[in-house]
Amino acid sequence: MKEPTTLVVAGMAILAAGTYAARLSGQLLRARITFPPWAAKLLEAAAVILLAALVATTALTEGHGFCGFARPAGVLVAGVLAWRKAPFLVVVLAAAAVTALLRVLGVS
């Protein structure tokens, strides 16, 4: 049996090569494959919906239940500031401050 370190390094190399190949294939095939306009719009909408679902799941749940009101309030503040085109650092710090303040005040 091989050393566990060797297997880990081999696995990382294989995954890195696969990731590189997948990214390279996107660049190489981009000029060769065209989608109809309706499919391009559908793919755009799917990306937005997937991102929104990820944000909602992360912002509203912890484990298998509701995370409380402090985290969604921080995410809401971050969303409003990002929508208003505030600098990224301001968005992150404001969201963290709102969440922390609500938790200090006893809002879970």
N, C-alpha and C. Protein backbone atom coordinates (compact mmCIF):
# COMPACT_ATOMS: atom_id res chain seq x y z
N MET A 1 0.84 -1.19 0.00
CA MET A 1 0.00 0.00 0.00
C MET A 1 0.88 1.25 0.00
N LYS A 2 0.47 2.28 -0.73
CA LYS A 2 1.24 3.51 -0.83
C LYS A 2 1.05 4.35 0.44
N GLU A 3 1.96 5.25 0.61
CA GLU A 3 1.89 6.18 1.72
C GLU A 3 0.65 7.07 1.56
N PRO A 4 -0.03 7.40 2.66
CA PRO A 4 -1.19 8.29 2.55
C PRO A 4 -0.83 9.66 1.95
N THR A 5 0.35 10.17 2.24
CA THR A 5 0.77 11.46 1.69
C THR A 5 0.87 11.40 0.17
N THR A 6 1.38 10.30 -0.34
CA THR A 6 1.50 10.14 -1.79
C THR A 6 0.12 10.11 -2.43
N LEU A 7 -0.82 9.43 -1.80
CA LEU A 7 -2.18 9.37 -2.35
C LEU A 7 -2.84 10.74 -2.34
N VAL A 8 -2.61 11.50 -1.29
CA VAL A 8 -3.19 12.84 -1.21
C VAL A 8 -2.61 13.74 -2.30
N VAL A 9 -1.31 13.69 -2.47
CA VAL A 9 -0.67 14.52 -3.49
C VAL A 9 -1.13 14.09 -4.88
N ALA A 10 -1.23 12.80 -5.11
CA ALA A 10 -1.71 12.32 -6.41
C ALA A 10 -3.16 12.75 -6.66
N GLY A 11 -3.99 12.65 -5.63
CA GLY A 11 -5.37 13.10 -5.77
C GLY A 11 -5.48 14.58 -6.07
N MET A 12 -4.67 15.38 -5.38
CA MET A 12 -4.67 16.83 -5.63
C MET A 12 -4.22 17.14 -7.05
N ALA A 13 -3.20 16.43 -7.52
CA ALA A 13 -2.70 16.66 -8.88
C ALA A 13 -3.76 16.30 -9.93
N ILE A 14 -4.45 15.18 -9.70
CA ILE A 14 -5.50 14.77 -10.64
C ILE A 14 -6.65 15.77 -10.65
N LEU A 15 -7.06 16.21 -9.47
CA LEU A 15 -8.15 17.19 -9.40
C LEU A 15 -7.74 18.53 -10.01
N ALA A 16 -6.49 18.94 -9.80
CA ALA A 16 -6.01 20.19 -10.40
C ALA A 16 -5.99 20.09 -11.91
N ALA A 17 -5.53 18.96 -12.43
CA ALA A 17 -5.49 18.77 -13.89
C ALA A 17 -6.91 18.76 -14.47
N GLY A 18 -7.83 18.11 -13.78
CA GLY A 18 -9.22 18.08 -14.24
C GLY A 18 -9.86 19.46 -14.23
N THR A 19 -9.60 20.24 -13.19
CA THR A 19 -10.12 21.60 -13.11
C THR A 19 -9.55 22.46 -14.23
N TYR A 20 -8.26 22.35 -14.45
CA TYR A 20 -7.62 23.11 -15.53
C TYR A 20 -8.20 22.72 -16.88
N ALA A 21 -8.40 21.42 -17.10
CA ALA A 21 -8.96 20.96 -18.37
C ALA A 21 -10.38 21.47 -18.57
N ALA A 22 -11.17 21.47 -17.51
CA ALA A 22 -12.55 21.96 -17.62
C ALA A 22 -12.57 23.45 -17.95
N ARG A 23 -11.73 24.23 -17.29
CA ARG A 23 -11.68 25.67 -17.56
C ARG A 23 -11.14 25.95 -18.97
N LEU A 24 -10.14 25.23 -19.39
CA LEU A 24 -9.57 25.41 -20.71
C LEU A 24 -10.58 25.04 -21.80
N SER A 25 -11.34 23.98 -21.57
CA SER A 25 -12.33 23.58 -22.58
C SER A 25 -13.38 24.66 -22.76
N GLY A 26 -13.75 25.36 -21.69
CA GLY A 26 -14.70 26.46 -21.83
C GLY A 26 -14.16 27.56 -22.73
N GLN A 27 -12.90 27.89 -22.57
CA GLN A 27 -12.29 28.94 -23.40
C GLN A 27 -12.15 28.48 -24.86
N LEU A 28 -11.77 27.22 -25.04
CA LEU A 28 -11.57 26.72 -26.41
C LEU A 28 -12.88 26.52 -27.16
N LEU A 29 -13.92 26.11 -26.45
CA LEU A 29 -15.19 25.85 -27.11
C LEU A 29 -16.09 27.07 -27.22
N ARG A 30 -15.74 28.14 -26.56
CA ARG A 30 -16.58 29.33 -26.55
C ARG A 30 -16.86 29.86 -27.96
N ALA A 31 -15.85 29.88 -28.79
CA ALA A 31 -16.02 30.41 -30.15
C ALA A 31 -16.72 29.41 -31.07
N ARG A 32 -16.71 28.15 -30.72
CA ARG A 32 -17.28 27.11 -31.60
C ARG A 32 -18.74 26.81 -31.32
N ILE A 33 -19.18 27.06 -30.11
CA ILE A 33 -20.55 26.72 -29.73
C ILE A 33 -21.33 28.00 -29.52
N THR A 34 -22.48 28.09 -30.17
CA THR A 34 -23.36 29.24 -29.96
C THR A 34 -24.72 28.73 -29.50
N PHE A 35 -25.31 29.48 -28.62
CA PHE A 35 -26.64 29.13 -28.13
C PHE A 35 -27.67 30.04 -28.77
N PRO A 36 -28.87 29.53 -28.97
CA PRO A 36 -29.94 30.42 -29.46
C PRO A 36 -30.22 31.49 -28.40
N PRO A 37 -30.78 32.61 -28.80
CA PRO A 37 -31.04 33.70 -27.84
C PRO A 37 -31.88 33.27 -26.64
N TRP A 38 -32.87 32.42 -26.86
CA TRP A 38 -33.72 32.00 -25.74
C TRP A 38 -32.93 31.16 -24.74
N ALA A 39 -32.01 30.36 -25.23
CA ALA A 39 -31.21 29.53 -24.32
C ALA A 39 -30.21 30.39 -23.55
N ALA A 40 -29.66 31.41 -24.20
CA ALA A 40 -28.73 32.31 -23.51
C ALA A 40 -29.44 33.06 -22.39
N LYS A 41 -30.67 33.51 -22.65
CA LYS A 41 -31.45 34.19 -21.60
C LYS A 41 -31.78 33.24 -20.47
N LEU A 42 -32.10 32.00 -20.81
CA LEU A 42 -32.42 31.00 -19.79
C LEU A 42 -31.20 30.69 -18.93
N LEU A 43 -30.04 30.59 -19.53
CA LEU A 43 -28.81 30.34 -18.77
C LEU A 43 -28.47 31.52 -17.86
N GLU A 44 -28.69 32.74 -18.34
CA GLU A 44 -28.47 33.93 -17.51
C GLU A 44 -29.38 33.91 -16.30
N ALA A 45 -30.66 33.63 -16.53
CA ALA A 45 -31.62 33.60 -15.44
C ALA A 45 -31.29 32.47 -14.46
N ALA A 46 -30.84 31.34 -14.97
CA ALA A 46 -30.51 30.22 -14.10
C ALA A 46 -29.34 30.56 -13.19
N ALA A 47 -28.37 31.30 -13.69
CA ALA A 47 -27.23 31.70 -12.86
C ALA A 47 -27.67 32.63 -11.75
N VAL A 48 -28.54 33.57 -12.05
CA VAL A 48 -29.04 34.50 -11.03
C VAL A 48 -29.87 33.76 -9.99
N ILE A 49 -30.71 32.86 -10.44
CA ILE A 49 -31.56 32.10 -9.51
C ILE A 49 -30.71 31.21 -8.61
N LEU A 50 -29.71 30.58 -9.16
CA LEU A 50 -28.83 29.73 -8.37
C LEU A 50 -28.08 30.53 -7.32
N LEU A 51 -27.58 31.70 -7.69
CA LEU A 51 -26.89 32.56 -6.74
C LEU A 51 -27.84 33.04 -5.65
N ALA A 52 -29.05 33.42 -6.01
CA ALA A 52 -30.04 33.87 -5.02
C ALA A 52 -30.39 32.74 -4.06
N ALA A 53 -30.53 31.53 -4.56
CA ALA A 53 -30.84 30.39 -3.69
C ALA A 53 -29.69 30.11 -2.73
N LEU A 54 -28.47 30.23 -3.21
CA LEU A 54 -27.32 30.04 -2.35
C LEU A 54 -27.27 31.08 -1.24
N VAL A 55 -27.50 32.34 -1.59
CA VAL A 55 -27.51 33.41 -0.59
C VAL A 55 -28.63 33.18 0.42
N ALA A 56 -29.82 32.83 -0.05
CA ALA A 56 -30.94 32.61 0.87
C ALA A 56 -30.67 31.44 1.81
N THR A 57 -30.14 30.37 1.29
CA THR A 57 -29.86 29.20 2.13
C THR A 57 -28.81 29.52 3.17
N THR A 58 -27.76 30.21 2.77
CA THR A 58 -26.68 30.56 3.69
C THR A 58 -27.13 31.59 4.71
N ALA A 59 -27.94 32.53 4.29
CA ALA A 59 -28.35 33.62 5.18
C ALA A 59 -29.44 33.21 6.16
N LEU A 60 -30.25 32.24 5.82
CA LEU A 60 -31.42 31.94 6.64
C LEU A 60 -31.32 30.66 7.46
N THR A 61 -30.38 29.79 7.16
CA THR A 61 -30.34 28.51 7.86
C THR A 61 -29.00 28.27 8.53
N GLU A 62 -29.07 27.49 9.59
CA GLU A 62 -27.87 27.03 10.28
C GLU A 62 -28.17 25.60 10.72
N GLY A 63 -27.40 24.67 10.22
CA GLY A 63 -27.74 23.27 10.48
C GLY A 63 -28.99 22.92 9.70
N HIS A 64 -30.02 22.50 10.44
CA HIS A 64 -31.28 22.12 9.78
C HIS A 64 -32.42 23.06 10.13
N GLY A 65 -32.10 24.22 10.71
CA GLY A 65 -33.17 25.11 11.12
C GLY A 65 -32.86 26.56 10.82
N PHE A 66 -33.77 27.40 11.24
CA PHE A 66 -33.67 28.84 11.04
C PHE A 66 -32.55 29.39 11.92
N CYS A 67 -31.75 30.29 11.40
CA CYS A 67 -30.57 30.79 12.12
C CYS A 67 -30.89 31.93 13.07
N GLY A 68 -32.07 32.47 13.04
CA GLY A 68 -32.41 33.63 13.85
C GLY A 68 -32.53 34.86 12.97
N PHE A 69 -32.71 36.01 13.60
CA PHE A 69 -32.96 37.23 12.84
C PHE A 69 -31.72 38.10 12.64
N ALA A 70 -30.67 37.88 13.43
CA ALA A 70 -29.49 38.74 13.34
C ALA A 70 -28.76 38.58 12.00
N ARG A 71 -28.53 37.37 11.59
CA ARG A 71 -27.80 37.14 10.33
C ARG A 71 -28.58 37.64 9.11
N PRO A 72 -29.88 37.33 8.98
CA PRO A 72 -30.61 37.88 7.83
C PRO A 72 -30.64 39.41 7.82
N ALA A 73 -30.66 40.03 9.00
CA ALA A 73 -30.63 41.49 9.04
C ALA A 73 -29.31 42.01 8.51
N GLY A 74 -28.21 41.35 8.88
CA GLY A 74 -26.90 41.74 8.36
C GLY A 74 -26.81 41.56 6.86
N VAL A 75 -27.36 40.47 6.37
CA VAL A 75 -27.36 40.22 4.92
C VAL A 75 -28.21 41.26 4.20
N LEU A 76 -29.32 41.64 4.80
CA LEU A 76 -30.18 42.67 4.21
C LEU A 76 -29.44 44.00 4.12
N VAL A 77 -28.76 44.38 5.19
CA VAL A 77 -27.97 45.61 5.18
C VAL A 77 -26.90 45.53 4.09
N ALA A 78 -26.21 44.39 4.00
CA ALA A 78 -25.19 44.22 2.97
C ALA A 78 -25.80 44.34 1.57
N GLY A 79 -26.96 43.74 1.37
CA GLY A 79 -27.62 43.82 0.07
C GLY A 79 -28.00 45.23 -0.32
N VAL A 80 -28.52 45.98 0.63
CA VAL A 80 -28.89 47.37 0.35
C VAL A 80 -27.66 48.21 0.03
N LEU A 81 -26.60 48.03 0.83
CA LEU A 81 -25.38 48.80 0.57
C LEU A 81 -24.73 48.41 -0.76
N ALA A 82 -24.74 47.13 -1.09
CA ALA A 82 -24.19 46.70 -2.38
C ALA A 82 -25.02 47.26 -3.53
N TRP A 83 -26.33 47.27 -3.35
CA TRP A 83 -27.22 47.81 -4.38
C TRP A 83 -26.96 49.31 -4.58
N ARG A 84 -26.62 50.00 -3.49
CA ARG A 84 -26.31 51.43 -3.55
C ARG A 84 -24.87 51.69 -3.99
N LYS A 85 -24.16 50.60 -4.35
CA LYS A 85 -22.78 50.66 -4.85
C LYS A 85 -21.79 51.19 -3.83
N ALA A 86 -21.97 50.78 -2.58
CA ALA A 86 -21.02 51.12 -1.52
C ALA A 86 -19.75 50.29 -1.73
N PRO A 87 -18.61 50.77 -1.24
CA PRO A 87 -17.37 49.98 -1.35
C PRO A 87 -17.51 48.64 -0.62
N PHE A 88 -16.83 47.63 -1.13
CA PHE A 88 -16.95 46.28 -0.60
C PHE A 88 -16.63 46.22 0.89
N LEU A 89 -15.58 46.90 1.30
CA LEU A 89 -15.20 46.88 2.71
C LEU A 89 -16.29 47.47 3.59
N VAL A 90 -16.94 48.52 3.13
CA VAL A 90 -18.05 49.12 3.87
C VAL A 90 -19.21 48.14 3.98
N VAL A 91 -19.50 47.44 2.90
CA VAL A 91 -20.59 46.46 2.89
C VAL A 91 -20.32 45.37 3.92
N VAL A 92 -19.12 44.81 3.91
CA VAL A 92 -18.78 43.71 4.82
C VAL A 92 -18.79 44.18 6.27
N LEU A 93 -18.17 45.32 6.54
CA LEU A 93 -18.10 45.82 7.91
C LEU A 93 -19.48 46.20 8.44
N ALA A 94 -20.31 46.81 7.62
CA ALA A 94 -21.66 47.17 8.07
C ALA A 94 -22.50 45.93 8.36
N ALA A 95 -22.41 44.93 7.51
CA ALA A 95 -23.16 43.69 7.74
C ALA A 95 -22.70 43.01 9.02
N ALA A 96 -21.39 42.96 9.24
CA ALA A 96 -20.87 42.34 10.46
C ALA A 96 -21.27 43.14 11.69
N ALA A 97 -21.23 44.47 11.58
CA ALA A 97 -21.59 45.31 12.72
C ALA A 97 -23.06 45.16 13.08
N VAL A 98 -23.94 45.14 12.10
CA VAL A 98 -25.37 44.99 12.37
C VAL A 98 -25.64 43.63 13.00
N THR A 99 -25.04 42.59 12.46
CA THR A 99 -25.24 41.24 13.02
C THR A 99 -24.72 41.18 14.44
N ALA A 100 -23.53 41.70 14.69
CA ALA A 100 -22.94 41.66 16.02
C ALA A 100 -23.76 42.48 17.00
N LEU A 101 -24.20 43.66 16.60
CA LEU A 101 -25.00 44.51 17.48
C LEU A 101 -26.32 43.84 17.86
N LEU A 102 -26.96 43.23 16.90
CA LEU A 102 -28.22 42.54 17.20
C LEU A 102 -27.99 41.36 18.14
N ARG A 103 -26.89 40.66 17.98
CA ARG A 103 -26.60 39.54 18.87
C ARG A 103 -26.27 40.03 20.27
N VAL A 104 -25.55 41.15 20.38
CA VAL A 104 -25.26 41.74 21.69
C VAL A 104 -26.56 42.16 22.38
N LEU A 105 -27.50 42.67 21.62
CA LEU A 105 -28.79 43.09 22.17
C LEU A 105 -29.71 41.92 22.49
N GLY A 106 -29.28 40.71 22.17
CA GLY A 106 -30.07 39.53 22.51
C GLY A 106 -30.95 38.99 21.40
N VAL A 107 -30.87 39.61 20.23
CA VAL A 107 -31.63 39.10 19.09
C VAL A 107 -30.80 37.97 18.49
N SER A 108 -31.37 36.78 18.46
CA SER A 108 -30.57 35.64 17.97
C SER A 108 -30.50 35.56 16.48
